[in-house]
Amino acid sequence: MKQSKKIFCDITKCVACRTCELACAIEHSATKDLFLAMLERPRPRARTFVHFIERDVSHSIACQHCEEPPCMEACMSSCISKDEKTGKVDIDRSRCVACWMCIMVCPFGIISREAADKNKAFKCDLCPDRECPACVDACPTKTLSYETRDDFSRRIKQEKKVYEKK
């Protein structure tokens, strides 16, 4: 089975700058402009979040577009689906009935409710109008990447070898 691309975070590079959150919110705003987005009501919200693990350890996390999404299984209105070709898990917000089962079962705590949009569930949509998600492009330390699991593992191992040689 062909692996799908996902957003990965190299926890050793994250400096908790939260640029990913800002880029995500702006990408999902009506204007897609930093200054005008701050004037929008309601303000645009990010679909990726920086989590602080320890004092100096943090990481950015977004929907993991799971192989077997528990949110899809739990959704009573069947508004959550998975594209078998791309691996992307999507929410059809027009069919969401705000039961919040998806929020309760998400192992990553990523799905949120958007009160401004009649309490519909929302999460990372991998920025469908872009080749690479906005959070990945905006990351100043290149902590985030958009690639397959195998490519990510291979790249991290290679970077580790280079670091160990120094």
C-alpha atoms as a PDB file:
ATOM      1  CA  MET A   1       0.000   0.000   0.000  1.00  0.00           C
ATOM      2  CA  LYS A   2       1.314   3.424  -0.969  1.00  0.00           C
ATOM      3  CA  GLN A   3       2.037   5.682   1.975  1.00  0.00           C
ATOM      4  CA  SER A   4       0.311   9.029   2.088  1.00  0.00           C
ATOM      5  CA  LYS A   5       1.951  12.315   2.980  1.00  0.00           C
ATOM      6  CA  LYS A   6       1.458  13.700   6.479  1.00  0.00           C
ATOM      7  CA  ILE A   7       2.784  16.564   8.548  1.00  0.00           C
ATOM      8  CA  PHE A   8       5.685  15.479  10.743  1.00  0.00           C
ATOM      9  CA  CYS A   9       7.450  17.405  13.495  1.00  0.00           C
ATOM     10  CA  ASP A  10      11.116  16.925  14.351  1.00  0.00           C
ATOM     11  CA  ILE A  11      10.831  17.531  18.083  1.00  0.00           C
ATOM     12  CA  THR A  12      14.566  18.321  18.326  1.00  0.00           C
ATOM     13  CA  LYS A  13      14.111  21.487  16.231  1.00  0.00           C
ATOM     14  CA  CYS A  14      10.868  22.982  17.590  1.00  0.00           C
ATOM     15  CA  VAL A  15      11.406  26.272  19.439  1.00  0.00           C
ATOM     16  CA  ALA A  16       7.699  26.822  20.215  1.00  0.00           C
ATOM     17  CA  CYS A  17       7.555  30.018  18.163  1.00  0.00           C
ATOM     18  CA  ARG A  18       3.958  29.173  17.163  1.00  0.00           C
ATOM     19  CA  THR A  19       4.498  30.433  13.626  1.00  0.00           C
ATOM     20  CA  CYS A  20       2.725  27.279  12.432  1.00  0.00           C
ATOM     21  CA  GLU A  21      -0.412  28.271  14.340  1.00  0.00           C
ATOM     22  CA  LEU A  22      -0.369  31.783  12.893  1.00  0.00           C
ATOM     23  CA  ALA A  23       0.223  30.560   9.331  1.00  0.00           C
ATOM     24  CA  CYS A  24      -2.629  28.072   9.682  1.00  0.00           C
ATOM     25  CA  ALA A  25      -5.061  30.684  10.989  1.00  0.00           C
ATOM     26  CA  ILE A  26      -4.161  33.116   8.213  1.00  0.00           C
ATOM     27  CA  GLU A  27      -4.453  30.417   5.529  1.00  0.00           C
ATOM     28  CA  HIS A  28      -7.960  29.624   6.775  1.00  0.00           C
ATOM     29  CA  SER A  29      -9.027  33.265   7.068  1.00  0.00           C
ATOM     30  CA  ALA A  30     -11.269  34.971   4.555  1.00  0.00           C
ATOM     31  CA  THR A  31      -8.593  37.486   3.517  1.00  0.00           C
ATOM     32  CA  LYS A  32      -5.407  35.365   3.815  1.00  0.00           C
ATOM     33  CA  ASP A  33      -3.671  38.545   4.976  1.00  0.00           C
ATOM     34  CA  LEU A  34      -2.033  38.827   8.414  1.00  0.00           C
ATOM     35  CA  PHE A  35      -3.294  42.294   9.288  1.00  0.00           C
ATOM     36  CA  LEU A  36      -6.760  41.986   7.757  1.00  0.00           C
ATOM     37  CA  ALA A  37      -7.253  38.544   9.328  1.00  0.00           C
ATOM     38  CA  MET A  38      -6.875  40.078  12.783  1.00  0.00           C
ATOM     39  CA  LEU A  39      -9.829  42.364  11.988  1.00  0.00           C
ATOM     40  CA  GLU A  40     -12.089  39.483  10.939  1.00  0.00           C
ATOM     41  CA  ARG A  41     -14.901  38.519  13.281  1.00  0.00           C
ATOM     42  CA  PRO A  42     -14.806  35.862  14.367  1.00  0.00           C
ATOM     43  CA  ARG A  43     -11.031  35.681  14.218  1.00  0.00           C
ATOM     44  CA  PRO A  44      -9.638  32.801  12.180  1.00  0.00           C
ATOM     45  CA  ARG A  45      -8.495  29.806  14.203  1.00  0.00           C
ATOM     46  CA  ALA A  46      -5.546  27.512  13.729  1.00  0.00           C
ATOM     47  CA  ARG A  47      -5.942  23.815  13.060  1.00  0.00           C
ATOM     48  CA  THR A  48      -2.443  22.986  14.283  1.00  0.00           C
ATOM     49  CA  PHE A  49      -1.207  23.494  17.818  1.00  0.00           C
ATOM     50  CA  VAL A  50       2.068  23.739  19.692  1.00  0.00           C
ATOM     51  CA  HIS A  51       2.145  21.455  22.725  1.00  0.00           C
ATOM     52  CA  PHE A  52       4.627  21.934  25.525  1.00  0.00           C
ATOM     53  CA  ILE A  53       5.929  18.607  26.796  1.00  0.00           C
ATOM     54  CA  GLU A  54       8.546  19.810  29.260  1.00  0.00           C
ATOM     55  CA  ARG A  55      10.218  23.082  30.092  1.00  0.00           C
ATOM     56  CA  ASP A  56      12.357  23.169  26.936  1.00  0.00           C
ATOM     57  CA  VAL A  57      10.581  20.543  24.840  1.00  0.00           C
ATOM     58  CA  SER A  58       7.666  21.320  22.565  1.00  0.00           C
ATOM     59  CA  HIS A  59       6.198  20.131  19.305  1.00  0.00           C
ATOM     60  CA  SER A  60       3.665  21.175  16.748  1.00  0.00           C
ATOM     61  CA  ILE A  61       0.832  18.763  16.103  1.00  0.00           C
ATOM     62  CA  ALA A  62      -2.020  18.629  13.639  1.00  0.00           C
ATOM     63  CA  CYS A  63      -4.409  15.910  12.521  1.00  0.00           C
ATOM     64  CA  GLN A  64      -2.456  12.716  11.907  1.00  0.00           C
ATOM     65  CA  HIS A  65      -4.853  11.507   9.187  1.00  0.00           C
ATOM     66  CA  CYS A  66      -4.811   8.089  10.853  1.00  0.00           C
ATOM     67  CA  GLU A  67      -4.694   4.829   8.918  1.00  0.00           C
ATOM     68  CA  GLU A  68      -7.861   3.736  10.741  1.00  0.00           C
ATOM     69  CA  PRO A  69      -9.368   7.020  11.995  1.00  0.00           C
ATOM     70  CA  PRO A  70     -11.269   6.581  15.271  1.00  0.00           C
ATOM     71  CA  CYS A  71     -13.074   9.858  14.573  1.00  0.00           C
ATOM     72  CA  MET A  72     -14.521   8.424  11.373  1.00  0.00           C
ATOM     73  CA  GLU A  73     -15.702   5.282  13.175  1.00  0.00           C
ATOM     74  CA  ALA A  74     -17.302   7.303  15.984  1.00  0.00           C
ATOM     75  CA  CYS A  75     -19.052   9.860  13.781  1.00  0.00           C
ATOM     76  CA  MET A  76     -22.785   9.243  14.010  1.00  0.00           C
ATOM     77  CA  SER A  77     -23.604  11.394  10.976  1.00  0.00           C
ATOM     78  CA  SER A  78     -20.893   9.830   8.793  1.00  0.00           C
ATOM     79  CA  CYS A  79     -19.585  13.274   7.937  1.00  0.00           C
ATOM     80  CA  ILE A  80     -15.965  12.174   8.420  1.00  0.00           C
ATOM     81  CA  SER A  81     -14.432  10.273   5.547  1.00  0.00           C
ATOM     82  CA  LYS A  82     -11.024   9.123   4.387  1.00  0.00           C
ATOM     83  CA  ASP A  83      -9.748   9.436   0.852  1.00  0.00           C
ATOM     84  CA  GLU A  84      -8.144   6.044   0.259  1.00  0.00           C
ATOM     85  CA  LYS A  85      -5.951   7.437  -2.522  1.00  0.00           C
ATOM     86  CA  THR A  86      -4.406  10.349  -0.569  1.00  0.00           C
ATOM     87  CA  GLY A  87      -4.961   9.163   3.017  1.00  0.00           C
ATOM     88  CA  LYS A  88      -6.553  12.494   3.909  1.00  0.00           C
ATOM     89  CA  VAL A  89      -9.281  12.418   6.560  1.00  0.00           C
ATOM     90  CA  ASP A  90     -11.890  15.118   5.981  1.00  0.00           C
ATOM     91  CA  ILE A  91     -14.978  16.485   7.716  1.00  0.00           C
ATOM     92  CA  ASP A  92     -18.024  17.414   5.645  1.00  0.00           C
ATOM     93  CA  ARG A  93     -19.070  20.277   7.902  1.00  0.00           C
ATOM     94  CA  SER A  94     -22.451  20.609   6.172  1.00  0.00           C
ATOM     95  CA  ARG A  95     -23.385  17.189   7.591  1.00  0.00           C
ATOM     96  CA  CYS A  96     -21.845  17.627  11.070  1.00  0.00           C
ATOM     97  CA  VAL A  97     -24.502  17.456  13.806  1.00  0.00           C
ATOM     98  CA  ALA A  98     -22.196  18.621  16.612  1.00  0.00           C
ATOM     99  CA  CYS A  99     -22.353  15.405  18.630  1.00  0.00           C
ATOM    100  CA  TRP A 100     -18.610  15.775  19.461  1.00  0.00           C
ATOM    101  CA  MET A 101     -17.942  12.041  19.318  1.00  0.00           C
ATOM    102  CA  CYS A 102     -14.965  12.797  17.042  1.00  0.00           C
ATOM    103  CA  ILE A 103     -13.511  15.139  19.670  1.00  0.00           C
ATOM    104  CA  MET A 104     -13.930  12.534  22.387  1.00  0.00           C
ATOM    105  CA  VAL A 105     -12.179   9.728  20.507  1.00  0.00           C
ATOM    106  CA  CYS A 106      -9.339  11.621  18.779  1.00  0.00           C
ATOM    107  CA  PRO A 107      -6.176  10.229  20.425  1.00  0.00           C
ATOM    108  CA  PHE A 108      -4.300  13.451  19.618  1.00  0.00           C
ATOM    109  CA  GLY A 109      -6.899  15.957  20.858  1.00  0.00           C
ATOM    110  CA  ILE A 110      -6.803  17.767  17.540  1.00  0.00           C
ATOM    111  CA  ILE A 111     -10.432  18.079  16.504  1.00  0.00           C
ATOM    112  CA  SER A 112     -12.074  21.264  17.763  1.00  0.00           C
ATOM    113  CA  ARG A 113     -15.484  22.847  17.637  1.00  0.00           C
ATOM    114  CA  GLU A 114     -16.018  26.087  15.792  1.00  0.00           C
ATOM    115  CA  ALA A 115     -18.619  28.022  17.738  1.00  0.00           C
ATOM    116  CA  ALA A 116     -18.753  30.735  15.083  1.00  0.00           C
ATOM    117  CA  ASP A 117     -19.889  28.201  12.500  1.00  0.00           C
ATOM    118  CA  LYS A 118     -22.892  26.717  14.270  1.00  0.00           C
ATOM    119  CA  ASN A 119     -20.735  24.465  16.444  1.00  0.00           C
ATOM    120  CA  LYS A 120     -19.297  22.403  13.615  1.00  0.00           C
ATOM    121  CA  ALA A 121     -16.223  20.217  14.120  1.00  0.00           C
ATOM    122  CA  PHE A 122     -13.015  21.253  12.378  1.00  0.00           C
ATOM    123  CA  LYS A 123      -9.432  20.053  12.090  1.00  0.00           C
ATOM    124  CA  CYS A 124      -6.400  20.161   9.806  1.00  0.00           C
ATOM    125  CA  ASP A 125      -7.375  19.812   6.166  1.00  0.00           C
ATOM    126  CA  LEU A 126      -3.780  19.790   4.829  1.00  0.00           C
ATOM    127  CA  CYS A 127      -4.489  23.123   3.073  1.00  0.00           C
ATOM    128  CA  PRO A 128      -6.186  21.700  -0.037  1.00  0.00           C
ATOM    129  CA  ASP A 129      -5.471  24.809  -2.145  1.00  0.00           C
ATOM    130  CA  ARG A 130      -1.723  24.506  -1.564  1.00  0.00           C
ATOM    131  CA  GLU A 131       0.932  22.034  -2.626  1.00  0.00           C
ATOM    132  CA  CYS A 132       2.379  22.057   0.904  1.00  0.00           C
ATOM    133  CA  PRO A 133       0.443  22.980   4.086  1.00  0.00           C
ATOM    134  CA  ALA A 134       0.897  26.589   5.250  1.00  0.00           C
ATOM    135  CA  CYS A 135       2.281  25.541   8.646  1.00  0.00           C
ATOM    136  CA  VAL A 136       5.095  23.571   7.010  1.00  0.00           C
ATOM    137  CA  ASP A 137       6.030  26.376   4.615  1.00  0.00           C
ATOM    138  CA  ALA A 138       6.039  28.950   7.430  1.00  0.00           C
ATOM    139  CA  CYS A 139       8.158  27.027   9.951  1.00  0.00           C
ATOM    140  CA  PRO A 140      11.376  29.058  10.400  1.00  0.00           C
ATOM    141  CA  THR A 141      13.420  26.160  11.833  1.00  0.00           C
ATOM    142  CA  LYS A 142      12.162  23.580   9.307  1.00  0.00           C
ATOM    143  CA  THR A 143      10.795  21.568  12.214  1.00  0.00           C
ATOM    144  CA  LEU A 144       7.744  20.604  10.179  1.00  0.00           C
ATOM    145  CA  SER A 145       7.808  18.545   7.023  1.00  0.00           C
ATOM    146  CA  TYR A 146       5.167  17.213   4.665  1.00  0.00           C
ATOM    147  CA  GLU A 147       6.240  13.761   3.522  1.00  0.00           C
ATOM    148  CA  THR A 148       5.615  10.042   3.888  1.00  0.00           C
ATOM    149  CA  ARG A 149       6.516   8.246   7.108  1.00  0.00           C
ATOM    150  CA  ASP A 150       9.342   6.360   5.368  1.00  0.00           C
ATOM    151  CA  ASP A 151      10.816   9.555   3.895  1.00  0.00           C
ATOM    152  CA  PHE A 152      10.644  11.276   7.292  1.00  0.00           C
ATOM    153  CA  SER A 153      12.351   8.340   9.070  1.00  0.00           C
ATOM    154  CA  ARG A 154      15.053   8.128   6.401  1.00  0.00           C
ATOM    155  CA  ARG A 155      15.746  11.874   6.556  1.00  0.00           C
ATOM    156  CA  ILE A 156      15.917  11.946  10.368  1.00  0.00           C
ATOM    157  CA  LYS A 157      18.363   9.006  10.405  1.00  0.00           C
ATOM    158  CA  GLN A 158      20.526  10.740   7.807  1.00  0.00           C
ATOM    159  CA  GLU A 159      20.515  14.027   9.758  1.00  0.00           C
ATOM    160  CA  LYS A 160      21.421  12.136  12.938  1.00  0.00           C
ATOM    161  CA  LYS A 161      24.432  10.555  11.221  1.00  0.00           C
ATOM    162  CA  VAL A 162      25.629  13.958  10.018  1.00  0.00           C
ATOM    163  CA  TYR A 163      25.228  15.392  13.522  1.00  0.00           C
ATOM    164  CA  GLU A 164      27.111  12.479  15.121  1.00  0.00           C
ATOM    165  CA  LYS A 165      30.076  13.047  12.769  1.00  0.00           C
ATOM    166  CA  LYS A 166      30.518  16.609  14.049  1.00  0.00           C
END
